[in-house]
Amino acid sequence: MRPVRIIVFAKAPVAGQVKTRLIPALGAQGAANLARAMLTRTLAAALAARVGRVELCASPAIDASSWAGFVVDAQVAMTGQGEGNLGHRMSRAAQRSLARGELPILIGTDCVEMSPELLAEAAAQLAAHDLVLYPAHDGGYALLGLTRFDARLFEDIAWSTASVAGTTLARAREIGLRVWTGRRLHDVDRTEDLHHLPIALRTEIALRTEN
């Protein structure tokens, strides 16, 4: 099996610019603290999975001042997301990885169930399937893994809507890809999602907000 590369998509955790739908509940700084904590947690899970290289695909580029103070493990490769909508940015990252002979696993930082075990399961399924997808309860997806590229998986998708996972899976089957779908996961994007956060993470955010 070709090596796997876990590509983590993340925005710089700047107050007022991330997790904006959570600002009414957490405040701008609290929402940014949550984004930072979930990014740190996701990168740690990706490294602990030990299935391949880990890449932080950042917006803006990691050398921008908005990333000042965020320390990234030396094992993590760093790239910029570049311009365009989410589909354009994910498409470029997937193509880069496949061109290197690696199988991309694309994830964000919003999923509370993201873990080394889940990532290892996704990597194992790529040995027998062309596309691996873990849907989210909001209709999007928390993870997408590929063994071959087709632009239709990223084009004309109504991003940030409840149709994303369904449209992607339908496209994959139209293309003739062998598809494996994992269990449905929870993203934390809205106030009503906050109860899915682990207690330890809720406590960490509360402490950071107070400080």
C-alpha atoms as a PDB file:
ATOM      1  CA  MET A   1       0.000   0.000   0.000  1.00  0.00           C
ATOM      2  CA  ARG A   2       1.191   3.510  -0.784  1.00  0.00           C
ATOM      3  CA  PRO A   3       2.068   5.745   2.187  1.00  0.00           C
ATOM      4  CA  VAL A   4      -0.658   7.903   3.697  1.00  0.00           C
ATOM      5  CA  ARG A   5      -0.519  11.667   4.332  1.00  0.00           C
ATOM      6  CA  ILE A   6      -2.973  13.199   6.801  1.00  0.00           C
ATOM      7  CA  ILE A   7      -3.675  16.781   5.707  1.00  0.00           C
ATOM      8  CA  VAL A   8      -5.226  18.990   8.390  1.00  0.00           C
ATOM      9  CA  PHE A   9      -7.022  22.088   7.112  1.00  0.00           C
ATOM     10  CA  ALA A  10      -7.116  24.956   9.603  1.00  0.00           C
ATOM     11  CA  LYS A  11      -7.543  28.707   9.884  1.00  0.00           C
ATOM     12  CA  ALA A  12      -5.324  30.732  12.201  1.00  0.00           C
ATOM     13  CA  PRO A  13      -7.069  30.880  15.603  1.00  0.00           C
ATOM     14  CA  VAL A  14      -7.584  34.647  15.633  1.00  0.00           C
ATOM     15  CA  ALA A  15     -10.380  36.147  17.723  1.00  0.00           C
ATOM     16  CA  GLY A  16     -13.263  37.305  15.584  1.00  0.00           C
ATOM     17  CA  GLN A  17     -12.120  35.336  12.539  1.00  0.00           C
ATOM     18  CA  VAL A  18     -12.731  31.696  13.532  1.00  0.00           C
ATOM     19  CA  LYS A  19     -15.701  29.831  14.966  1.00  0.00           C
ATOM     20  CA  THR A  20     -17.774  32.947  14.369  1.00  0.00           C
ATOM     21  CA  ARG A  21     -21.082  31.125  14.839  1.00  0.00           C
ATOM     22  CA  LEU A  22     -19.956  30.323  18.398  1.00  0.00           C
ATOM     23  CA  ILE A  23     -19.138  33.909  19.332  1.00  0.00           C
ATOM     24  CA  PRO A  24     -22.625  34.575  20.813  1.00  0.00           C
ATOM     25  CA  ALA A  25     -22.041  31.683  23.243  1.00  0.00           C
ATOM     26  CA  LEU A  26     -18.295  31.899  23.888  1.00  0.00           C
ATOM     27  CA  GLY A  27     -17.275  35.419  22.930  1.00  0.00           C
ATOM     28  CA  ALA A  28     -14.727  36.146  20.221  1.00  0.00           C
ATOM     29  CA  GLN A  29     -11.724  35.127  22.339  1.00  0.00           C
ATOM     30  CA  GLY A  30     -13.450  32.044  23.695  1.00  0.00           C
ATOM     31  CA  ALA A  31     -14.294  30.896  20.173  1.00  0.00           C
ATOM     32  CA  ALA A  32     -10.676  31.457  19.115  1.00  0.00           C
ATOM     33  CA  ASN A  33      -9.464  29.524  22.163  1.00  0.00           C
ATOM     34  CA  LEU A  34     -11.683  26.625  21.153  1.00  0.00           C
ATOM     35  CA  ALA A  35     -10.338  26.713  17.590  1.00  0.00           C
ATOM     36  CA  ARG A  36      -6.766  26.664  18.910  1.00  0.00           C
ATOM     37  CA  ALA A  37      -7.446  23.792  21.298  1.00  0.00           C
ATOM     38  CA  MET A  38      -9.197  21.702  18.651  1.00  0.00           C
ATOM     39  CA  LEU A  39      -6.377  22.284  16.165  1.00  0.00           C
ATOM     40  CA  THR A  40      -3.793  21.219  18.749  1.00  0.00           C
ATOM     41  CA  ARG A  41      -5.899  18.160  19.595  1.00  0.00           C
ATOM     42  CA  THR A  42      -6.350  17.196  15.936  1.00  0.00           C
ATOM     43  CA  LEU A  43      -2.640  17.479  15.118  1.00  0.00           C
ATOM     44  CA  ALA A  44      -1.805  15.348  18.158  1.00  0.00           C
ATOM     45  CA  ALA A  45      -4.275  12.673  17.031  1.00  0.00           C
ATOM     46  CA  ALA A  46      -2.851  12.710  13.499  1.00  0.00           C
ATOM     47  CA  LEU A  47       0.696  12.217  14.768  1.00  0.00           C
ATOM     48  CA  ALA A  48      -0.346   9.527  17.241  1.00  0.00           C
ATOM     49  CA  ALA A  49      -2.104   7.560  14.490  1.00  0.00           C
ATOM     50  CA  ARG A  50       1.324   6.749  12.989  1.00  0.00           C
ATOM     51  CA  VAL A  51      -0.078   5.979   9.542  1.00  0.00           C
ATOM     52  CA  GLY A  52       2.062   8.447   7.580  1.00  0.00           C
ATOM     53  CA  ARG A  53       3.187  12.038   7.319  1.00  0.00           C
ATOM     54  CA  VAL A  54       1.101  14.825   8.824  1.00  0.00           C
ATOM     55  CA  GLU A  55       0.632  18.164   7.064  1.00  0.00           C
ATOM     56  CA  LEU A  56      -0.940  21.376   8.351  1.00  0.00           C
ATOM     57  CA  CYS A  57      -2.545  23.151   5.413  1.00  0.00           C
ATOM     58  CA  ALA A  58      -2.976  26.633   6.816  1.00  0.00           C
ATOM     59  CA  SER A  59      -4.993  29.739   6.037  1.00  0.00           C
ATOM     60  CA  PRO A  60      -3.363  32.191   5.826  1.00  0.00           C
ATOM     61  CA  ALA A  61       0.109  30.757   5.183  1.00  0.00           C
ATOM     62  CA  ILE A  62       1.831  29.608   8.359  1.00  0.00           C
ATOM     63  CA  ASP A  63       4.380  32.460   8.248  1.00  0.00           C
ATOM     64  CA  ALA A  64       1.627  35.108   8.540  1.00  0.00           C
ATOM     65  CA  SER A  65       1.530  37.153  11.737  1.00  0.00           C
ATOM     66  CA  SER A  66      -1.853  35.683  12.645  1.00  0.00           C
ATOM     67  CA  TRP A  67      -0.095  32.388  13.455  1.00  0.00           C
ATOM     68  CA  ALA A  68       2.335  34.067  15.881  1.00  0.00           C
ATOM     69  CA  GLY A  69       2.611  32.102  19.102  1.00  0.00           C
ATOM     70  CA  PHE A  70       1.182  28.867  17.705  1.00  0.00           C
ATOM     71  CA  VAL A  71       3.845  26.172  17.985  1.00  0.00           C
ATOM     72  CA  VAL A  72       3.729  23.297  15.506  1.00  0.00           C
ATOM     73  CA  ASP A  73       5.498  19.993  16.155  1.00  0.00           C
ATOM     74  CA  ALA A  74       8.630  19.634  14.031  1.00  0.00           C
ATOM     75  CA  GLN A  75       7.237  16.418  12.526  1.00  0.00           C
ATOM     76  CA  VAL A  76       4.374  18.322  10.898  1.00  0.00           C
ATOM     77  CA  ALA A  77       4.882  19.588   7.336  1.00  0.00           C
ATOM     78  CA  MET A  78       3.381  23.022   6.685  1.00  0.00           C
ATOM     79  CA  THR A  79       1.721  24.340   3.529  1.00  0.00           C
ATOM     80  CA  GLY A  80      -0.636  27.166   2.643  1.00  0.00           C
ATOM     81  CA  GLN A  81      -4.194  26.582   1.460  1.00  0.00           C
ATOM     82  CA  GLY A  82      -3.972  29.240  -1.242  1.00  0.00           C
ATOM     83  CA  GLU A  83      -6.880  30.937  -2.975  1.00  0.00           C
ATOM     84  CA  GLY A  84     -10.348  29.748  -3.967  1.00  0.00           C
ATOM     85  CA  ASN A  85     -13.244  28.069  -2.219  1.00  0.00           C
ATOM     86  CA  LEU A  86     -12.891  25.012  -0.012  1.00  0.00           C
ATOM     87  CA  GLY A  87     -13.212  22.691  -2.990  1.00  0.00           C
ATOM     88  CA  HIS A  88     -10.354  24.390  -4.835  1.00  0.00           C
ATOM     89  CA  ARG A  89      -8.121  24.247  -1.762  1.00  0.00           C
ATOM     90  CA  MET A  90      -8.866  20.614  -0.961  1.00  0.00           C
ATOM     91  CA  SER A  91      -8.461  19.634  -4.598  1.00  0.00           C
ATOM     92  CA  ARG A  92      -4.964  21.151  -4.776  1.00  0.00           C
ATOM     93  CA  ALA A  93      -3.872  19.463  -1.553  1.00  0.00           C
ATOM     94  CA  ALA A  94      -5.174  16.068  -2.685  1.00  0.00           C
ATOM     95  CA  GLN A  95      -3.458  16.360  -6.058  1.00  0.00           C
ATOM     96  CA  ARG A  96      -0.134  17.322  -4.435  1.00  0.00           C
ATOM     97  CA  SER A  97      -0.243  14.294  -2.190  1.00  0.00           C
ATOM     98  CA  LEU A  98      -1.212  11.849  -4.931  1.00  0.00           C
ATOM     99  CA  ALA A  99       1.497  13.258  -7.219  1.00  0.00           C
ATOM    100  CA  ARG A 100       4.044  12.332  -4.521  1.00  0.00           C
ATOM    101  CA  GLY A 101       2.717   8.780  -4.439  1.00  0.00           C
ATOM    102  CA  GLU A 102       0.897   9.330  -1.133  1.00  0.00           C
ATOM    103  CA  LEU A 103      -2.755   8.713  -0.283  1.00  0.00           C
ATOM    104  CA  PRO A 104      -4.334  11.869   1.153  1.00  0.00           C
ATOM    105  CA  ILE A 105      -6.621  11.839   4.161  1.00  0.00           C
ATOM    106  CA  LEU A 106      -8.203  15.287   4.372  1.00  0.00           C
ATOM    107  CA  ILE A 107      -9.583  16.444   7.714  1.00  0.00           C
ATOM    108  CA  GLY A 108     -10.550  19.652   9.453  1.00  0.00           C
ATOM    109  CA  THR A 109     -10.337  20.461  13.151  1.00  0.00           C
ATOM    110  CA  ASP A 110     -14.039  20.585  14.100  1.00  0.00           C
ATOM    111  CA  CYS A 111     -14.687  16.889  14.788  1.00  0.00           C
ATOM    112  CA  VAL A 112     -14.777  15.917  18.463  1.00  0.00           C
ATOM    113  CA  GLU A 113     -14.430  12.187  17.697  1.00  0.00           C
ATOM    114  CA  MET A 114     -11.242  12.572  15.645  1.00  0.00           C
ATOM    115  CA  SER A 115      -8.745  10.154  17.167  1.00  0.00           C
ATOM    116  CA  PRO A 116      -5.681   8.059  16.319  1.00  0.00           C
ATOM    117  CA  GLU A 117      -7.897   4.971  16.134  1.00  0.00           C
ATOM    118  CA  LEU A 118     -10.339   6.563  13.694  1.00  0.00           C
ATOM    119  CA  LEU A 119      -7.501   7.778  11.467  1.00  0.00           C
ATOM    120  CA  ALA A 120      -5.887   4.339  11.520  1.00  0.00           C
ATOM    121  CA  GLU A 121      -9.242   2.816  10.519  1.00  0.00           C
ATOM    122  CA  ALA A 122      -9.532   5.261   7.609  1.00  0.00           C
ATOM    123  CA  ALA A 123      -6.007   4.464   6.428  1.00  0.00           C
ATOM    124  CA  ALA A 124      -6.699   0.730   6.592  1.00  0.00           C
ATOM    125  CA  GLN A 125      -9.857   1.109   4.497  1.00  0.00           C
ATOM    126  CA  LEU A 126      -7.886   2.924   1.798  1.00  0.00           C
ATOM    127  CA  ALA A 127      -6.084  -0.363   1.154  1.00  0.00           C
ATOM    128  CA  ALA A 128      -9.302  -1.780  -0.322  1.00  0.00           C
ATOM    129  CA  HIS A 129     -11.276   1.283  -1.452  1.00  0.00           C
ATOM    130  CA  ASP A 130     -10.808   4.328  -3.690  1.00  0.00           C
ATOM    131  CA  LEU A 131     -12.640   6.737  -1.418  1.00  0.00           C
ATOM    132  CA  VAL A 132     -13.180   6.732   2.345  1.00  0.00           C
ATOM    133  CA  LEU A 133     -15.612   9.215   3.879  1.00  0.00           C
ATOM    134  CA  TYR A 134     -16.859   9.825   7.411  1.00  0.00           C
ATOM    135  CA  PRO A 135     -20.077  11.853   7.252  1.00  0.00           C
ATOM    136  CA  ALA A 136     -20.981  14.466   9.848  1.00  0.00           C
ATOM    137  CA  HIS A 137     -24.377  14.881  11.468  1.00  0.00           C
ATOM    138  CA  ASP A 138     -24.717  18.329   9.868  1.00  0.00           C
ATOM    139  CA  GLY A 139     -24.589  16.843   6.354  1.00  0.00           C
ATOM    140  CA  GLY A 140     -20.926  17.579   5.675  1.00  0.00           C
ATOM    141  CA  TYR A 141     -18.037  15.214   6.209  1.00  0.00           C
ATOM    142  CA  ALA A 142     -15.270  15.079   8.805  1.00  0.00           C
ATOM    143  CA  LEU A 143     -12.785  13.024   6.757  1.00  0.00           C
ATOM    144  CA  LEU A 144     -12.181  12.245   3.101  1.00  0.00           C
ATOM    145  CA  GLY A 145      -9.529   9.796   1.939  1.00  0.00           C
ATOM    146  CA  LEU A 146      -8.600   9.089  -1.677  1.00  0.00           C
ATOM    147  CA  THR A 147      -6.483   6.711  -3.718  1.00  0.00           C
ATOM    148  CA  ARG A 148      -7.185   8.446  -7.037  1.00  0.00           C
ATOM    149  CA  PHE A 149      -8.124  11.974  -8.053  1.00  0.00           C
ATOM    150  CA  ASP A 150     -11.196  13.198  -9.848  1.00  0.00           C
ATOM    151  CA  ALA A 151     -12.003  16.922  -9.901  1.00  0.00           C
ATOM    152  CA  ARG A 152     -15.745  16.196  -9.793  1.00  0.00           C
ATOM    153  CA  LEU A 153     -15.407  15.301  -6.119  1.00  0.00           C
ATOM    154  CA  PHE A 154     -14.616  18.949  -5.380  1.00  0.00           C
ATOM    155  CA  GLU A 155     -16.425  20.936  -8.087  1.00  0.00           C
ATOM    156  CA  ASP A 156     -19.891  22.503  -7.840  1.00  0.00           C
ATOM    157  CA  ILE A 157     -20.393  21.393  -4.248  1.00  0.00           C
ATOM    158  CA  ALA A 158     -22.625  23.561  -2.037  1.00  0.00           C
ATOM    159  CA  TRP A 159     -20.025  23.816   0.741  1.00  0.00           C
ATOM    160  CA  SER A 160     -21.224  24.383   4.317  1.00  0.00           C
ATOM    161  CA  THR A 161     -24.642  22.922   3.561  1.00  0.00           C
ATOM    162  CA  ALA A 162     -26.385  19.686   4.524  1.00  0.00           C
ATOM    163  CA  SER A 163     -25.894  18.260   1.017  1.00  0.00           C
ATOM    164  CA  VAL A 164     -22.085  18.049   0.972  1.00  0.00           C
ATOM    165  CA  ALA A 165     -21.590  14.410   2.006  1.00  0.00           C
ATOM    166  CA  GLY A 166     -24.520  13.136  -0.032  1.00  0.00           C
ATOM    167  CA  THR A 167     -23.404  14.952  -3.168  1.00  0.00           C
ATOM    168  CA  THR A 168     -19.812  13.758  -2.760  1.00  0.00           C
ATOM    169  CA  LEU A 169     -20.843  10.129  -2.302  1.00  0.00           C
ATOM    170  CA  ALA A 170     -23.193  10.285  -5.284  1.00  0.00           C
ATOM    171  CA  ARG A 171     -20.406  11.722  -7.450  1.00  0.00           C
ATOM    172  CA  ALA A 172     -17.986   9.031  -6.289  1.00  0.00           C
ATOM    173  CA  ARG A 173     -20.399   6.288  -7.279  1.00  0.00           C
ATOM    174  CA  GLU A 174     -21.108   7.939 -10.649  1.00  0.00           C
ATOM    175  CA  ILE A 175     -17.353   7.997 -11.303  1.00  0.00           C
ATOM    176  CA  GLY A 176     -17.141   4.306 -10.400  1.00  0.00           C
ATOM    177  CA  LEU A 177     -15.037   4.609  -7.249  1.00  0.00           C
ATOM    178  CA  ARG A 178     -15.055   1.885  -4.622  1.00  0.00           C
ATOM    179  CA  VAL A 179     -16.530   3.709  -1.625  1.00  0.00           C
ATOM    180  CA  TRP A 180     -16.357   2.998   2.110  1.00  0.00           C
ATOM    181  CA  THR A 181     -18.408   5.111   4.516  1.00  0.00           C
ATOM    182  CA  GLY A 182     -17.576   5.334   8.204  1.00  0.00           C
ATOM    183  CA  ARG A 183     -19.830   6.169  11.113  1.00  0.00           C
ATOM    184  CA  ARG A 184     -21.478   9.574  11.386  1.00  0.00           C
ATOM    185  CA  LEU A 185     -19.471  12.051  13.476  1.00  0.00           C
ATOM    186  CA  HIS A 186     -20.090  15.339  15.274  1.00  0.00           C
ATOM    187  CA  ASP A 187     -18.609  18.680  14.262  1.00  0.00           C
ATOM    188  CA  VAL A 188     -18.690  21.642  16.633  1.00  0.00           C
ATOM    189  CA  ASP A 189     -19.717  24.684  14.602  1.00  0.00           C
ATOM    190  CA  ARG A 190     -22.848  26.015  16.287  1.00  0.00           C
ATOM    191  CA  THR A 191     -23.955  26.752  19.838  1.00  0.00           C
ATOM    192  CA  GLU A 192     -26.123  23.625  19.920  1.00  0.00           C
ATOM    193  CA  ASP A 193     -23.031  21.512  19.137  1.00  0.00           C
ATOM    194  CA  LEU A 194     -21.118  22.570  22.249  1.00  0.00           C
ATOM    195  CA  HIS A 195     -22.542  19.779  24.412  1.00  0.00           C
ATOM    196  CA  HIS A 196     -20.558  17.298  22.269  1.00  0.00           C
ATOM    197  CA  LEU A 197     -17.255  18.724  23.550  1.00  0.00           C
ATOM    198  CA  PRO A 198     -15.356  16.474  25.970  1.00  0.00           C
ATOM    199  CA  ILE A 199     -15.436  17.810  29.541  1.00  0.00           C
ATOM    200  CA  ALA A 200     -11.652  18.296  29.581  1.00  0.00           C
ATOM    201  CA  LEU A 201     -11.850  20.503  26.492  1.00  0.00           C
ATOM    202  CA  ARG A 202     -14.725  22.546  27.946  1.00  0.00           C
ATOM    203  CA  THR A 203     -12.670  23.106  31.086  1.00  0.00           C
ATOM    204  CA  GLU A 204      -9.598  24.129  29.076  1.00  0.00           C
ATOM    205  CA  ILE A 205     -11.572  26.680  27.080  1.00  0.00           C
ATOM    206  CA  ALA A 206     -13.170  28.113  30.227  1.00  0.00           C
ATOM    207  CA  LEU A 207      -9.796  28.508  31.899  1.00  0.00           C
ATOM    208  CA  ARG A 208      -8.219  30.173  28.867  1.00  0.00           C
ATOM    209  CA  THR A 209     -11.155  32.535  28.517  1.00  0.00           C
ATOM    210  CA  GLU A 210     -10.909  33.565  32.168  1.00  0.00           C
ATOM    211  CA  ASN A 211      -7.188  34.246  31.801  1.00  0.00           C
END
